[in-house]
Amino acid sequence: MAAAHLACAFFFDAEPVGEPRLPALDACSLCAKPLGRDSDLFMYRGDTPFCSEGCRDEQMQFDAIRARQAARSAAGRRHQQQYSTRKASAVAS
């Protein structure tokens, strides 16, 4: 039990001297609700803390939407590039 307590305390202890400051685990990354030492943390992508599964799931949905939009945008750019190349080839012929 003591090891679990020490592991939890590790995240909230002061940063080592001379070390650059890493993102703190003191607030939810979505709603900014303060995270206490005795509260559960719901992590996403390794180092992003959330206060609840709901906040974490909402962030995951936002990320999935952005990924789909980026993929569609990239596909549109590829399509436009192919169209421009075909049009240029037809004009040159």
PDB file of N, CA and C in Angstrom:
ATOM      1  N   MET A   1       0.818  -1.188   0.000  1.00  0.00           N
ATOM      2  CA  MET A   1       0.000   0.000   0.000  1.00  0.00           C
ATOM      3  C   MET A   1       0.865   1.256   0.000  1.00  0.00           C
ATOM      4  N   ALA A   2       1.969   1.226   0.705  1.00  0.00           N
ATOM      5  CA  ALA A   2       2.851   2.390   0.769  1.00  0.00           C
ATOM      6  C   ALA A   2       3.436   2.704  -0.601  1.00  0.00           C
ATOM      7  N   ALA A   3       3.739   1.674  -1.382  1.00  0.00           N
ATOM      8  CA  ALA A   3       4.300   1.896  -2.719  1.00  0.00           C
ATOM      9  C   ALA A   3       3.296   2.618  -3.605  1.00  0.00           C
ATOM     10  N   ALA A   4       2.016   2.257  -3.516  1.00  0.00           N
ATOM     11  CA  ALA A   4       0.987   2.934  -4.318  1.00  0.00           C
ATOM     12  C   ALA A   4       0.882   4.395  -3.916  1.00  0.00           C
ATOM     13  N   HIS A   5       0.967   4.671  -2.613  1.00  0.00           N
ATOM     14  CA  HIS A   5       0.908   6.049  -2.136  1.00  0.00           C
ATOM     15  C   HIS A   5       2.094   6.851  -2.655  1.00  0.00           C
ATOM     16  N   LEU A   6       3.265   6.256  -2.645  1.00  0.00           N
ATOM     17  CA  LEU A   6       4.451   6.944  -3.141  1.00  0.00           C
ATOM     18  C   LEU A   6       4.363   7.190  -4.639  1.00  0.00           C
ATOM     19  N   ALA A   7       3.821   6.226  -5.382  1.00  0.00           N
ATOM     20  CA  ALA A   7       3.685   6.391  -6.826  1.00  0.00           C
ATOM     21  C   ALA A   7       2.745   7.540  -7.146  1.00  0.00           C
ATOM     22  N   CYS A   8       1.639   7.666  -6.418  1.00  0.00           N
ATOM     23  CA  CYS A   8       0.702   8.772  -6.642  1.00  0.00           C
ATOM     24  C   CYS A   8       1.344  10.101  -6.273  1.00  0.00           C
ATOM     25  N   ALA A   9       2.066  10.126  -5.182  1.00  0.00           N
ATOM     26  CA  ALA A   9       2.693  11.353  -4.736  1.00  0.00           C
ATOM     27  C   ALA A   9       3.754  11.825  -5.720  1.00  0.00           C
ATOM     28  N   PHE A  10       4.362  10.900  -6.455  1.00  0.00           N
ATOM     29  CA  PHE A  10       5.401  11.249  -7.417  1.00  0.00           C
ATOM     30  C   PHE A  10       4.932  12.304  -8.402  1.00  0.00           C
ATOM     31  N   PHE A  11       3.704  12.178  -8.905  1.00  0.00           N
ATOM     32  CA  PHE A  11       3.199  13.097  -9.914  1.00  0.00           C
ATOM     33  C   PHE A  11       3.020  14.512  -9.379  1.00  0.00           C
ATOM     34  N   PHE A  12       2.813  14.648  -8.091  1.00  0.00           N
ATOM     35  CA  PHE A  12       2.483  15.945  -7.528  1.00  0.00           C
ATOM     36  C   PHE A  12       3.645  16.601  -6.794  1.00  0.00           C
ATOM     37  N   ASP A  13       4.742  15.896  -6.639  1.00  0.00           N
ATOM     38  CA  ASP A  13       5.897  16.476  -5.961  1.00  0.00           C
ATOM     39  C   ASP A  13       6.508  17.582  -6.810  1.00  0.00           C
ATOM     40  N   ALA A  14       7.273  18.434  -6.169  1.00  0.00           N
ATOM     41  CA  ALA A  14       7.959  19.508  -6.893  1.00  0.00           C
ATOM     42  C   ALA A  14       8.908  18.903  -7.915  1.00  0.00           C
ATOM     43  N   GLU A  15       9.083  19.619  -9.021  1.00  0.00           N
ATOM     44  CA  GLU A  15       9.971  19.121 -10.062  1.00  0.00           C
ATOM     45  C   GLU A  15      11.414  19.151  -9.590  1.00  0.00           C
ATOM     46  N   PRO A  16      12.242  18.249 -10.082  1.00  0.00           N
ATOM     47  CA  PRO A  16      13.649  18.233  -9.694  1.00  0.00           C
ATOM     48  C   PRO A  16      14.335  19.540 -10.110  1.00  0.00           C
ATOM     49  N   VAL A  17      15.287  19.955  -9.312  1.00  0.00           N
ATOM     50  CA  VAL A  17      16.025  21.185  -9.594  1.00  0.00           C
ATOM     51  C   VAL A  17      16.765  21.054 -10.918  1.00  0.00           C
ATOM     52  N   GLY A  18      16.673  22.067 -11.755  1.00  0.00           N
ATOM     53  CA  GLY A  18      17.374  22.067 -13.028  1.00  0.00           C
ATOM     54  C   GLY A  18      16.632  21.366 -14.142  1.00  0.00           C
ATOM     55  N   GLU A  19      15.508  20.720 -13.853  1.00  0.00           N
ATOM     56  CA  GLU A  19      14.727  20.020 -14.870  1.00  0.00           C
ATOM     57  C   GLU A  19      13.710  20.979 -15.477  1.00  0.00           C
ATOM     58  N   PRO A  20      13.513  20.926 -16.790  1.00  0.00           N
ATOM     59  CA  PRO A  20      12.478  21.766 -17.386  1.00  0.00           C
ATOM     60  C   PRO A  20      11.109  21.325 -16.900  1.00  0.00           C
ATOM     61  N   ARG A  21      10.194  22.262 -16.814  1.00  0.00           N
ATOM     62  CA  ARG A  21       8.847  21.956 -16.316  1.00  0.00           C
ATOM     63  C   ARG A  21       8.061  21.178 -17.374  1.00  0.00           C
ATOM     64  N   LEU A  22       7.517  20.042 -16.974  1.00  0.00           N
ATOM     65  CA  LEU A  22       6.669  19.229 -17.828  1.00  0.00           C
ATOM     66  C   LEU A  22       5.223  19.622 -17.584  1.00  0.00           C
ATOM     67  N   PRO A  23       4.318  19.282 -18.495  1.00  0.00           N
ATOM     68  CA  PRO A  23       2.910  19.586 -18.247  1.00  0.00           C
ATOM     69  C   PRO A  23       2.463  18.992 -16.917  1.00  0.00           C
ATOM     70  N   ALA A  24       1.815  19.789 -16.111  1.00  0.00           N
ATOM     71  CA  ALA A  24       1.403  19.351 -14.783  1.00  0.00           C
ATOM     72  C   ALA A  24       0.183  18.457 -14.863  1.00  0.00           C
ATOM     73  N   LEU A  25       0.061  17.604 -13.875  1.00  0.00           N
ATOM     74  CA  LEU A  25      -1.106  16.742 -13.773  1.00  0.00           C
ATOM     75  C   LEU A  25      -2.024  17.297 -12.687  1.00  0.00           C
ATOM     76  N   ASP A  26      -2.208  18.617 -12.694  1.00  0.00           N
ATOM     77  CA  ASP A  26      -3.004  19.233 -11.636  1.00  0.00           C
ATOM     78  C   ASP A  26      -4.378  19.696 -12.084  1.00  0.00           C
ATOM     79  N   ALA A  27      -4.698  19.591 -13.381  1.00  0.00           N
ATOM     80  CA  ALA A  27      -6.014  19.990 -13.870  1.00  0.00           C
ATOM     81  C   ALA A  27      -6.389  19.150 -15.081  1.00  0.00           C
ATOM     82  N   CYS A  28      -7.685  18.945 -15.248  1.00  0.00           N
ATOM     83  CA  CYS A  28      -8.199  18.206 -16.399  1.00  0.00           C
ATOM     84  C   CYS A  28      -7.841  18.969 -17.673  1.00  0.00           C
ATOM     85  N   SER A  29      -7.366  18.270 -18.669  1.00  0.00           N
ATOM     86  CA  SER A  29      -6.954  18.915 -19.919  1.00  0.00           C
ATOM     87  C   SER A  29      -8.130  19.411 -20.744  1.00  0.00           C
ATOM     88  N   LEU A  30      -9.337  18.955 -20.442  1.00  0.00           N
ATOM     89  CA  LEU A  30     -10.503  19.401 -21.207  1.00  0.00           C
ATOM     90  C   LEU A  30     -11.291  20.474 -20.463  1.00  0.00           C
ATOM     91  N   CYS A  31     -11.681  20.191 -19.237  1.00  0.00           N
ATOM     92  CA  CYS A  31     -12.546  21.132 -18.515  1.00  0.00           C
ATOM     93  C   CYS A  31     -11.813  21.968 -17.474  1.00  0.00           C
ATOM     94  N   ALA A  32     -10.533  21.695 -17.271  1.00  0.00           N
ATOM     95  CA  ALA A  32      -9.671  22.429 -16.334  1.00  0.00           C
ATOM     96  C   ALA A  32     -10.065  22.243 -14.871  1.00  0.00           C
ATOM     97  N   LYS A  33     -10.875  21.239 -14.579  1.00  0.00           N
ATOM     98  CA  LYS A  33     -11.224  20.937 -13.189  1.00  0.00           C
ATOM     99  C   LYS A  33      -9.952  20.526 -12.448  1.00  0.00           C
ATOM    100  N   PRO A  34      -9.724  21.092 -11.261  1.00  0.00           N
ATOM    101  CA  PRO A  34      -8.523  20.718 -10.501  1.00  0.00           C
ATOM    102  C   PRO A  34      -8.528  19.223 -10.157  1.00  0.00           C
ATOM    103  N   LEU A  35      -7.370  18.617 -10.260  1.00  0.00           N
ATOM    104  CA  LEU A  35      -7.205  17.202  -9.916  1.00  0.00           C
ATOM    105  C   LEU A  35      -6.474  17.128  -8.587  1.00  0.00           C
ATOM    106  N   GLY A  36      -7.073  16.481  -7.625  1.00  0.00           N
ATOM    107  CA  GLY A  36      -6.459  16.350  -6.313  1.00  0.00           C
ATOM    108  C   GLY A  36      -5.602  15.114  -6.208  1.00  0.00           C
ATOM    109  N   ARG A  37      -4.829  15.054  -5.142  1.00  0.00           N
ATOM    110  CA  ARG A  37      -3.963  13.897  -4.928  1.00  0.00           C
ATOM    111  C   ARG A  37      -4.761  12.615  -4.757  1.00  0.00           C
ATOM    112  N   ASP A  38      -5.974  12.726  -4.247  1.00  0.00           N
ATOM    113  CA  ASP A  38      -6.770  11.531  -3.998  1.00  0.00           C
ATOM    114  C   ASP A  38      -7.785  11.258  -5.111  1.00  0.00           C
ATOM    115  N   SER A  39      -7.754  12.036  -6.180  1.00  0.00           N
ATOM    116  CA  SER A  39      -8.705  11.817  -7.271  1.00  0.00           C
ATOM    117  C   SER A  39      -8.121  10.869  -8.320  1.00  0.00           C
ATOM    118  N   ASP A  40      -9.009  10.164  -9.010  1.00  0.00           N
ATOM    119  CA  ASP A  40      -8.581   9.286 -10.083  1.00  0.00           C
ATOM    120  C   ASP A  40      -8.175  10.132 -11.285  1.00  0.00           C
ATOM    121  N   LEU A  41      -7.168   9.672 -11.992  1.00  0.00           N
ATOM    122  CA  LEU A  41      -6.747  10.314 -13.233  1.00  0.00           C
ATOM    123  C   LEU A  41      -7.080   9.384 -14.387  1.00  0.00           C
ATOM    124  N   PHE A  42      -7.585   9.943 -15.448  1.00  0.00           N
ATOM    125  CA  PHE A  42      -7.884   9.187 -16.650  1.00  0.00           C
ATOM    126  C   PHE A  42      -6.952   9.730 -17.729  1.00  0.00           C
ATOM    127  N   MET A  43      -5.951   8.930 -18.090  1.00  0.00           N
ATOM    128  CA  MET A  43      -4.897   9.390 -18.990  1.00  0.00           C
ATOM    129  C   MET A  43      -5.232   9.046 -20.439  1.00  0.00           C
ATOM    130  N   TYR A  44      -4.719   9.896 -21.336  1.00  0.00           N
ATOM    131  CA  TYR A  44      -4.902   9.701 -22.769  1.00  0.00           C
ATOM    132  C   TYR A  44      -3.619  10.131 -23.450  1.00  0.00           C
ATOM    133  N   ARG A  45      -3.185   9.343 -24.412  1.00  0.00           N
ATOM    134  CA  ARG A  45      -1.949   9.605 -25.154  1.00  0.00           C
ATOM    135  C   ARG A  45      -0.739   9.732 -24.236  1.00  0.00           C
ATOM    136  N   GLY A  46      -0.750   8.981 -23.188  1.00  0.00           N
ATOM    137  CA  GLY A  46       0.417   8.876 -22.324  1.00  0.00           C
ATOM    138  C   GLY A  46       0.573   9.927 -21.258  1.00  0.00           C
ATOM    139  N   ASP A  47       0.351  11.200 -21.574  1.00  0.00           N
ATOM    140  CA  ASP A  47       0.658  12.229 -20.587  1.00  0.00           C
ATOM    141  C   ASP A  47      -0.418  13.303 -20.448  1.00  0.00           C
ATOM    142  N   THR A  48      -1.610  13.033 -20.930  1.00  0.00           N
ATOM    143  CA  THR A  48      -2.676  14.026 -20.866  1.00  0.00           C
ATOM    144  C   THR A  48      -3.722  13.568 -19.856  1.00  0.00           C
ATOM    145  N   PRO A  49      -3.851  14.296 -18.724  1.00  0.00           N
ATOM    146  CA  PRO A  49      -4.774  13.869 -17.669  1.00  0.00           C
ATOM    147  C   PRO A  49      -6.189  14.422 -17.855  1.00  0.00           C
ATOM    148  N   PHE A  50      -7.168  13.626 -17.446  1.00  0.00           N
ATOM    149  CA  PHE A  50      -8.565  14.037 -17.462  1.00  0.00           C
ATOM    150  C   PHE A  50      -9.192  13.674 -16.133  1.00  0.00           C
ATOM    151  N   CYS A  51     -10.224  14.420 -15.746  1.00  0.00           N
ATOM    152  CA  CYS A  51     -10.874  14.202 -14.454  1.00  0.00           C
ATOM    153  C   CYS A  51     -11.858  13.051 -14.488  1.00  0.00           C
ATOM    154  N   SER A  52     -12.320  12.675 -15.672  1.00  0.00           N
ATOM    155  CA  SER A  52     -13.319  11.612 -15.773  1.00  0.00           C
ATOM    156  C   SER A  52     -13.185  10.888 -17.106  1.00  0.00           C
ATOM    157  N   GLU A  53     -13.833   9.741 -17.164  1.00  0.00           N
ATOM    158  CA  GLU A  53     -13.862   9.010 -18.432  1.00  0.00           C
ATOM    159  C   GLU A  53     -14.607   9.825 -19.480  1.00  0.00           C
ATOM    160  N   GLY A  54     -15.614  10.578 -19.052  1.00  0.00           N
ATOM    161  CA  GLY A  54     -16.392  11.404 -19.969  1.00  0.00           C
ATOM    162  C   GLY A  54     -15.540  12.454 -20.655  1.00  0.00           C
ATOM    163  N   CYS A  55     -14.724  13.167 -19.875  1.00  0.00           N
ATOM    164  CA  CYS A  55     -13.836  14.184 -20.459  1.00  0.00           C
ATOM    165  C   CYS A  55     -12.832  13.534 -21.404  1.00  0.00           C
ATOM    166  N   ARG A  56     -12.263  12.408 -20.970  1.00  0.00           N
ATOM    167  CA  ARG A  56     -11.291  11.718 -21.821  1.00  0.00           C
ATOM    168  C   ARG A  56     -11.947  11.252 -23.118  1.00  0.00           C
ATOM    169  N   ASP A  57     -13.158  10.677 -23.015  1.00  0.00           N
ATOM    170  CA  ASP A  57     -13.862  10.199 -24.207  1.00  0.00           C
ATOM    171  C   ASP A  57     -14.203  11.349 -25.145  1.00  0.00           C
ATOM    172  N   GLU A  58     -14.587  12.487 -24.577  1.00  0.00           N
ATOM    173  CA  GLU A  58     -14.898  13.662 -25.406  1.00  0.00           C
ATOM    174  C   GLU A  58     -13.660  14.118 -26.181  1.00  0.00           C
ATOM    175  N   GLN A  59     -12.500  14.145 -25.519  1.00  0.00           N
ATOM    176  CA  GLN A  59     -11.257  14.518 -26.197  1.00  0.00           C
ATOM    177  C   GLN A  59     -10.920  13.512 -27.292  1.00  0.00           C
ATOM    178  N   MET A  60     -11.137  12.234 -27.013  1.00  0.00           N
ATOM    179  CA  MET A  60     -10.861  11.203 -28.010  1.00  0.00           C
ATOM    180  C   MET A  60     -11.773  11.382 -29.227  1.00  0.00           C
ATOM    181  N   GLN A  61     -13.027  11.754 -28.998  1.00  0.00           N
ATOM    182  CA  GLN A  61     -13.947  12.007 -30.112  1.00  0.00           C
ATOM    183  C   GLN A  61     -13.508  13.223 -30.919  1.00  0.00           C
ATOM    184  N   PHE A  62     -13.096  14.296 -30.238  1.00  0.00           N
ATOM    185  CA  PHE A  62     -12.576  15.484 -30.937  1.00  0.00           C
ATOM    186  C   PHE A  62     -11.383  15.112 -31.807  1.00  0.00           C
ATOM    187  N   ASP A  63     -10.470  14.314 -31.250  1.00  0.00           N
ATOM    188  CA  ASP A  63      -9.282  13.913 -31.997  1.00  0.00           C
ATOM    189  C   ASP A  63      -9.651  13.057 -33.206  1.00  0.00           C
ATOM    190  N   ALA A  64     -10.639  12.175 -33.055  1.00  0.00           N
ATOM    191  CA  ALA A  64     -11.069  11.329 -34.175  1.00  0.00           C
ATOM    192  C   ALA A  64     -11.689  12.176 -35.279  1.00  0.00           C
ATOM    193  N   ILE A  65     -12.482  13.176 -34.895  1.00  0.00           N
ATOM    194  CA  ILE A  65     -13.095  14.072 -35.883  1.00  0.00           C
ATOM    195  C   ILE A  65     -12.015  14.850 -36.631  1.00  0.00           C
ATOM    196  N   ARG A  66     -11.050  15.389 -35.893  1.00  0.00           N
ATOM    197  CA  ARG A  66      -9.949  16.126 -36.537  1.00  0.00           C
ATOM    198  C   ARG A  66      -9.149  15.232 -37.471  1.00  0.00           C
ATOM    199  N   ALA A  67      -8.929  13.990 -37.079  1.00  0.00           N
ATOM    200  CA  ALA A  67      -8.176  13.059 -37.933  1.00  0.00           C
ATOM    201  C   ALA A  67      -8.948  12.770 -39.214  1.00  0.00           C
ATOM    202  N   ARG A  68     -10.271  12.567 -39.095  1.00  0.00           N
ATOM    203  CA  ARG A  68     -11.076  12.331 -40.299  1.00  0.00           C
ATOM    204  C   ARG A  68     -11.074  13.556 -41.202  1.00  0.00           C
ATOM    205  N   GLN A  69     -11.192  14.745 -40.623  1.00  0.00           N
ATOM    206  CA  GLN A  69     -11.170  15.970 -41.426  1.00  0.00           C
ATOM    207  C   GLN A  69      -9.831  16.140 -42.124  1.00  0.00           C
ATOM    208  N   ALA A  70      -8.744  15.853 -41.427  1.00  0.00           N
ATOM    209  CA  ALA A  70      -7.412  15.964 -42.028  1.00  0.00           C
ATOM    210  C   ALA A  70      -7.254  14.963 -43.170  1.00  0.00           C
ATOM    211  N   ALA A  71      -7.771  13.759 -42.986  1.00  0.00           N
ATOM    212  CA  ALA A  71      -7.678  12.742 -44.037  1.00  0.00           C
ATOM    213  C   ALA A  71      -8.490  13.163 -45.261  1.00  0.00           C
ATOM    214  N   ARG A  72      -9.693  13.705 -45.038  1.00  0.00           N
ATOM    215  CA  ARG A  72     -10.509  14.173 -46.166  1.00  0.00           C
ATOM    216  C   ARG A  72      -9.837  15.331 -46.885  1.00  0.00           C
ATOM    217  N   SER A  73      -9.242  16.230 -46.120  1.00  0.00           N
ATOM    218  CA  SER A  73      -8.556  17.378 -46.708  1.00  0.00           C
ATOM    219  C   SER A  73      -7.370  16.911 -47.551  1.00  0.00           C
ATOM    220  N   ALA A  74      -6.612  15.954 -47.029  1.00  0.00           N
ATOM    221  CA  ALA A  74      -5.465  15.426 -47.772  1.00  0.00           C
ATOM    222  C   ALA A  74      -5.935  14.717 -49.035  1.00  0.00           C
ATOM    223  N   ALA A  75      -7.034  13.973 -48.942  1.00  0.00           N
ATOM    224  CA  ALA A  75      -7.566  13.283 -50.120  1.00  0.00           C
ATOM    225  C   ALA A  75      -8.027  14.299 -51.154  1.00  0.00           C
ATOM    226  N   GLY A  76      -8.644  15.397 -50.714  1.00  0.00           N
ATOM    227  CA  GLY A  76      -9.079  16.452 -51.627  1.00  0.00           C
ATOM    228  C   GLY A  76      -7.908  17.109 -52.333  1.00  0.00           C
ATOM    229  N   ARG A  77      -6.824  17.343 -51.586  1.00  0.00           N
ATOM    230  CA  ARG A  77      -5.623  17.941 -52.194  1.00  0.00           C
ATOM    231  C   ARG A  77      -5.024  16.992 -53.226  1.00  0.00           C
ATOM    232  N   ARG A  78      -4.988  15.677 -52.919  1.00  0.00           N
ATOM    233  CA  ARG A  78      -4.467  14.696 -53.879  1.00  0.00           C
ATOM    234  C   ARG A  78      -5.340  14.666 -55.126  1.00  0.00           C
ATOM    235  N   HIS A  79      -6.646  14.704 -54.949  1.00  0.00           N
ATOM    236  CA  HIS A  79      -7.568  14.688 -56.080  1.00  0.00           C
ATOM    237  C   HIS A  79      -7.364  15.933 -56.942  1.00  0.00           C
ATOM    238  N   GLN A  80      -7.242  17.101 -56.301  1.00  0.00           N
ATOM    239  CA  GLN A  80      -7.044  18.348 -57.036  1.00  0.00           C
ATOM    240  C   GLN A  80      -5.717  18.312 -57.797  1.00  0.00           C
ATOM    241  N   GLN A  81      -4.677  17.757 -57.176  1.00  0.00           N
ATOM    242  CA  GLN A  81      -3.374  17.670 -57.828  1.00  0.00           C
ATOM    243  C   GLN A  81      -3.452  16.741 -59.037  1.00  0.00           C
ATOM    244  N   GLN A  82      -4.140  15.618 -58.896  1.00  0.00           N
ATOM    245  CA  GLN A  82      -4.292  14.686 -60.024  1.00  0.00           C
ATOM    246  C   GLN A  82      -5.079  15.345 -61.154  1.00  0.00           C
ATOM    247  N   TYR A  83      -6.143  16.079 -60.826  1.00  0.00           N
ATOM    248  CA  TYR A  83      -6.956  16.760 -61.823  1.00  0.00           C
ATOM    249  C   TYR A  83      -6.115  17.797 -62.570  1.00  0.00           C
ATOM    250  N   SER A  84      -5.318  18.575 -61.819  1.00  0.00           N
ATOM    251  CA  SER A  84      -4.473  19.594 -62.432  1.00  0.00           C
ATOM    252  C   SER A  84      -3.434  18.970 -63.347  1.00  0.00           C
ATOM    253  N   THR A  85      -2.865  17.855 -62.941  1.00  0.00           N
ATOM    254  CA  THR A  85      -1.860  17.161 -63.756  1.00  0.00           C
ATOM    255  C   THR A  85      -2.486  16.640 -65.045  1.00  0.00           C
ATOM    256  N   ARG A  86      -3.681  16.032 -64.939  1.00  0.00           N
ATOM    257  CA  ARG A  86      -4.364  15.534 -66.136  1.00  0.00           C
ATOM    258  C   ARG A  86      -4.745  16.663 -67.075  1.00  0.00           C
ATOM    259  N   LYS A  87      -5.207  17.774 -66.519  1.00  0.00           N
ATOM    260  CA  LYS A  87      -5.602  18.927 -67.335  1.00  0.00           C
ATOM    261  C   LYS A  87      -4.392  19.513 -68.052  1.00  0.00           C
ATOM    262  N   ALA A  88      -3.260  19.619 -67.345  1.00  0.00           N
ATOM    263  CA  ALA A  88      -2.040  20.137 -67.956  1.00  0.00           C
ATOM    264  C   ALA A  88      -1.553  19.201 -69.069  1.00  0.00           C
ATOM    265  N   SER A  89      -1.672  17.899 -68.864  1.00  0.00           N
ATOM    266  CA  SER A  89      -1.252  16.936 -69.881  1.00  0.00           C
ATOM    267  C   SER A  89      -2.129  17.047 -71.119  1.00  0.00           C
ATOM    268  N   ALA A  90      -3.429  17.250 -70.919  1.00  0.00           N
ATOM    269  CA  ALA A  90      -4.352  17.368 -72.043  1.00  0.00           C
ATOM    270  C   ALA A  90      -4.081  18.631 -72.843  1.00  0.00           C
ATOM    271  N   VAL A  91      -3.745  19.731 -72.172  1.00  0.00           N
ATOM    272  CA  VAL A  91      -3.457  20.999 -72.852  1.00  0.00           C
ATOM    273  C   VAL A  91      -2.153  20.877 -73.646  1.00  0.00           C
ATOM    274  N   ALA A  92      -1.158  20.181 -73.093  1.00  0.00           N
ATOM    275  CA  ALA A  92       0.133  20.035 -73.739  1.00  0.00           C
ATOM    276  C   ALA A  92       0.054  19.139 -74.987  1.00  0.00           C
ATOM    277  N   SER A  93      -0.936  18.271 -75.034  1.00  0.00           N
ATOM    278  CA  SER A  93      -1.046  17.332 -76.173  1.00  0.00           C
ATOM    279  C   SER A  93      -1.544  17.967 -77.416  1.00  0.00           C
TER     280      SER A  93
END
